[in-house]
Protein backbone atom coordinates (compact mmCIF):
# COMPACT_ATOMS: atom_id res chain seq x y z
CA MET A 1 -4.70 13.33 39.03
CA LEU A 2 -1.08 13.62 37.86
CA SER A 3 -1.16 10.07 36.49
CA GLN A 4 -4.33 10.90 34.52
CA VAL A 5 -2.67 13.96 32.98
CA LEU A 6 0.51 12.06 32.11
CA TYR A 7 -1.50 9.20 30.62
CA THR A 8 -3.55 11.67 28.58
CA ILE A 9 -0.42 13.40 27.26
CA LEU A 10 1.13 10.09 26.21
CA ALA A 11 -2.15 8.91 24.66
CA LEU A 12 -2.44 12.17 22.70
CA LEU A 13 1.13 11.77 21.42
CA MET A 14 0.31 8.24 20.29
CA SER A 15 -2.92 9.54 18.73
CA GLY A 16 -0.91 12.12 16.79
CA LEU A 17 1.34 9.35 15.48
CA LEU A 18 -1.71 7.34 14.42
CA VAL A 19 -3.20 10.37 12.64
CA VAL A 20 0.08 10.67 10.70
CA GLY A 21 -0.27 6.97 9.88
CA VAL A 22 -3.80 7.51 8.57
CA VAL A 23 -2.63 10.39 6.37
CA LEU A 24 0.36 8.48 5.00
CA THR A 25 -1.63 5.35 4.23
CA ALA A 26 -4.37 7.42 2.60
CA LYS A 27 -1.74 8.96 0.31
CA ALA A 28 -0.29 5.52 -0.46
CA LYS A 29 -3.63 4.01 -1.55
CA ALA A 30 -2.95 4.70 -5.23
CA GLU A 31 0.39 2.90 -5.10
CA HIS A 32 -0.33 0.07 -2.66
CA GLY A 33 -4.08 -0.44 -3.08
CA ARG A 34 -5.70 -2.79 -0.59
CA ALA A 35 -2.64 -2.99 1.67
CA ALA A 36 -2.71 0.76 2.31
CA THR A 37 -6.45 0.63 2.96
CA LEU A 38 -5.94 -2.12 5.56
CA GLY A 39 -3.17 -0.09 7.18
CA MET A 40 -5.40 2.98 7.29
CA PHE A 41 -8.21 1.03 8.97
CA GLY A 42 -5.70 -0.42 11.45
CA CYS A 43 -4.57 3.11 12.35
CA PHE A 44 -8.21 4.20 12.74
CA VAL A 45 -8.94 1.30 15.10
CA LEU A 46 -5.83 2.00 17.18
CA LEU A 47 -6.75 5.69 17.28
CA PHE A 48 -10.18 4.73 18.60
CA ASP A 49 -8.44 2.55 21.20
CA GLN A 50 -6.37 5.53 22.38
CA LEU A 51 -9.49 7.65 22.74
CA TYR A 52 -11.19 4.77 24.59
CA GLY A 53 -8.23 4.66 27.00
CA ILE A 54 -8.42 8.41 27.66
CA VAL A 55 -12.13 8.18 28.44
CA ARG A 56 -11.51 5.13 30.64
CA ILE A 57 -8.79 6.82 32.70
CA TRP A 58 -10.84 10.00 33.27
CA THR A 59 -14.02 8.13 34.25
CA LEU A 60 -12.33 5.58 36.50
CA SER A 61 -12.94 7.43 39.79
CA SER A 62 -16.64 7.93 39.05
CA LEU A 63 -16.88 4.28 37.97
CA ILE A 64 -15.46 3.11 41.29
CA SER A 65 -17.93 5.22 43.24
CA ALA A 66 -20.84 4.01 41.04
CA VAL A 67 -20.23 0.24 41.31
CA GLY A 68 -18.46 0.08 44.65
CA VAL A 69 -15.06 -1.20 45.60
CA ASP A 70 -16.20 -4.83 45.73
CA ALA A 71 -17.37 -5.01 42.09
CA VAL A 72 -14.76 -2.73 40.56
CA ASN A 73 -12.42 -5.60 39.67
CA ILE A 74 -15.02 -7.30 37.48
CA VAL A 75 -15.95 -4.03 35.77
CA LEU A 76 -12.29 -3.12 35.19
CA PHE A 77 -11.67 -6.58 33.75
CA VAL A 78 -14.51 -6.12 31.25
CA ILE A 79 -13.36 -2.60 30.32
CA ASP A 80 -9.74 -3.73 29.89
CA ALA A 81 -10.83 -6.80 27.90
CA ILE A 82 -12.73 -4.54 25.51
CA GLY A 83 -9.66 -2.30 25.16
CA MET A 84 -7.43 -5.30 24.53
CA LEU A 85 -9.82 -6.62 21.87
CA ILE A 86 -9.79 -3.24 20.11
CA THR A 87 -5.97 -3.20 20.24
CA ALA A 88 -5.79 -6.74 18.87
CA VAL A 89 -8.05 -5.83 15.93
CA GLY A 90 -5.97 -2.72 15.14
CA VAL A 91 -2.63 -4.54 15.30
CA GLY A 92 -4.11 -7.43 13.30
CA LEU A 93 -5.16 -5.03 10.56
CA LEU A 94 -1.67 -3.50 10.47
CA ILE A 95 -0.07 -6.95 10.24
CA TRP A 96 -2.50 -7.92 7.49
CA ALA A 97 -1.58 -4.71 5.65
CA VAL A 98 2.11 -5.62 5.80
CA VAL A 99 1.63 -9.10 4.36
CA ALA A 100 -1.16 -8.21 1.89
CA ARG A 101 -0.44 -8.30 -1.81
CA ARG A 102 0.41 -4.87 -3.18
CA THR A 103 -2.21 -4.53 -5.90
CA PRO A 104 -2.34 -0.89 -6.94
CA ALA A 105 -5.78 0.66 -7.16
CA GLN A 106 -6.51 1.33 -10.82
CA SER A 107 -7.50 4.84 -11.69
CA GLN A 108 -10.14 5.72 -14.27
CA GLY A 109 -7.57 7.22 -16.66
CA TRP A 110 -5.60 4.00 -16.88
CA GLN A 111 -8.67 1.86 -17.62
CA GLN A 112 -9.82 3.90 -20.60
CA GLY A 113 -9.22 2.06 -23.83
CA GLN A 114 -8.18 -1.13 -22.06
CA PRO A 115 -10.16 -4.32 -22.55
CA GLN A 116 -11.49 -5.70 -19.29
CA HIS A 117 -10.49 -9.33 -19.92
CA GLY A 118 -7.22 -11.23 -20.13
CA TRP A 119 -3.69 -10.18 -19.28
CA GLN A 120 -2.51 -6.88 -20.69
CA GLN A 121 1.00 -5.58 -21.15
CA PRO A 122 1.47 -2.83 -18.55
CA GLN A 123 1.79 0.60 -20.05
CA GLN A 124 4.73 2.83 -19.26
CA PRO A 125 3.74 5.61 -16.83
CA GLU A 126 3.58 9.15 -18.20
CA TRP A 127 6.45 10.36 -16.01
CA GLN A 128 8.77 7.71 -17.48
CA ARG A 129 7.77 8.55 -21.05
CA GLN A 130 8.52 12.21 -20.44
CA SER A 131 11.93 11.50 -18.93
CA GLN A 132 13.18 9.60 -21.98
CA ALA A 133 15.27 11.41 -24.53
CA PRO A 134 13.73 12.11 -27.95
CA PRO A 135 14.48 9.43 -30.58
CA GLU A 136 17.04 11.62 -32.35
CA TRP A 137 19.06 11.87 -29.10
CA GLN A 138 19.07 8.16 -28.36
CA PRO A 139 22.11 6.16 -29.48
CA GLN A 140 21.63 4.36 -32.75
CA SER A 141 22.79 0.81 -33.26
CA PRO A 142 25.39 0.46 -36.02
CA PRO A 143 24.07 -0.80 -39.34
CA GLN A 144 24.16 -4.54 -39.65
CA PRO A 145 26.10 -6.00 -42.61
CA SER A 146 24.00 -7.82 -45.15
CA PRO A 147 24.16 -11.56 -44.78
CA SER A 148 26.85 -13.25 -46.84
CA PRO A 149 25.78 -15.97 -49.22
CA GLN A 150 25.26 -19.28 -47.54
CA PRO A 151 27.06 -22.35 -48.85
CA GLY A 152 24.95 -24.74 -50.82
CA TRP A 153 22.17 -24.30 -53.35
CA GLN A 154 20.71 -20.78 -53.66
CA ASP A 155 17.26 -20.12 -55.11
CA PRO A 156 17.82 -17.94 -58.21
CA GLU A 157 14.19 -16.79 -58.15
CA ARG A 158 14.39 -15.15 -54.70
CA PRO A 159 15.34 -11.51 -54.87
CA GLY A 160 18.44 -10.51 -52.97
CA TRP A 161 20.10 -13.84 -53.51
CA GLN A 162 22.78 -14.39 -56.09
CA ASN A 163 23.55 -17.61 -57.84
CA PRO A 164 27.27 -18.34 -57.35
CA GLN A 165 27.39 -20.30 -60.66
CA GLY A 166 26.08 -17.63 -62.86
C-alpha cells in the first residue's frame, strides 16, 4: 500500500511536469511551428503513460487475484510491454521535435497581401519597426563629394561633365 502511494505521488509529480511541457510547447507553436507541435504530442503521450502506470499499480492486486499467480507473469509482461511502447512513442516524438526543422507557423495577418508563390523577402516584425528611432533621429551619412573629372576624353553633350579643353 505504501509503495502504491509513493508511486502515485511520483507519477503525479511527473504528470505535473508534463502538463507544464504541454503548456510551454503550445505557447511556442507560433515561433517553432511543427517542432513545438511534435513536442506537445510527445508530452501528451508521456502524460498518458503516467496515467496508465497509476492505473496499473492500483489494479495490480485485483489483477493477480483474477488471473492467478501462475499466469500473472505473462499478464504483467504484456501490460509492461504496452507501457514501454507508449513511453517509446512519447520519447520518440520529443526527440523528433528536437531535431525537426523550426518552421514557424504562419499567421493569417502575415499572409495578407503576400503572393503564395516563390521566395519572398521576410518582412520586419512590427515590434522591431516600433523600436527603431524615427528617421530624423538616425545618424546621417556625410555628403559624398561629387566625382572629380576622369582622365581621358569627356563627352561634352552629357550634363554634369565638363570638357577640360574648353
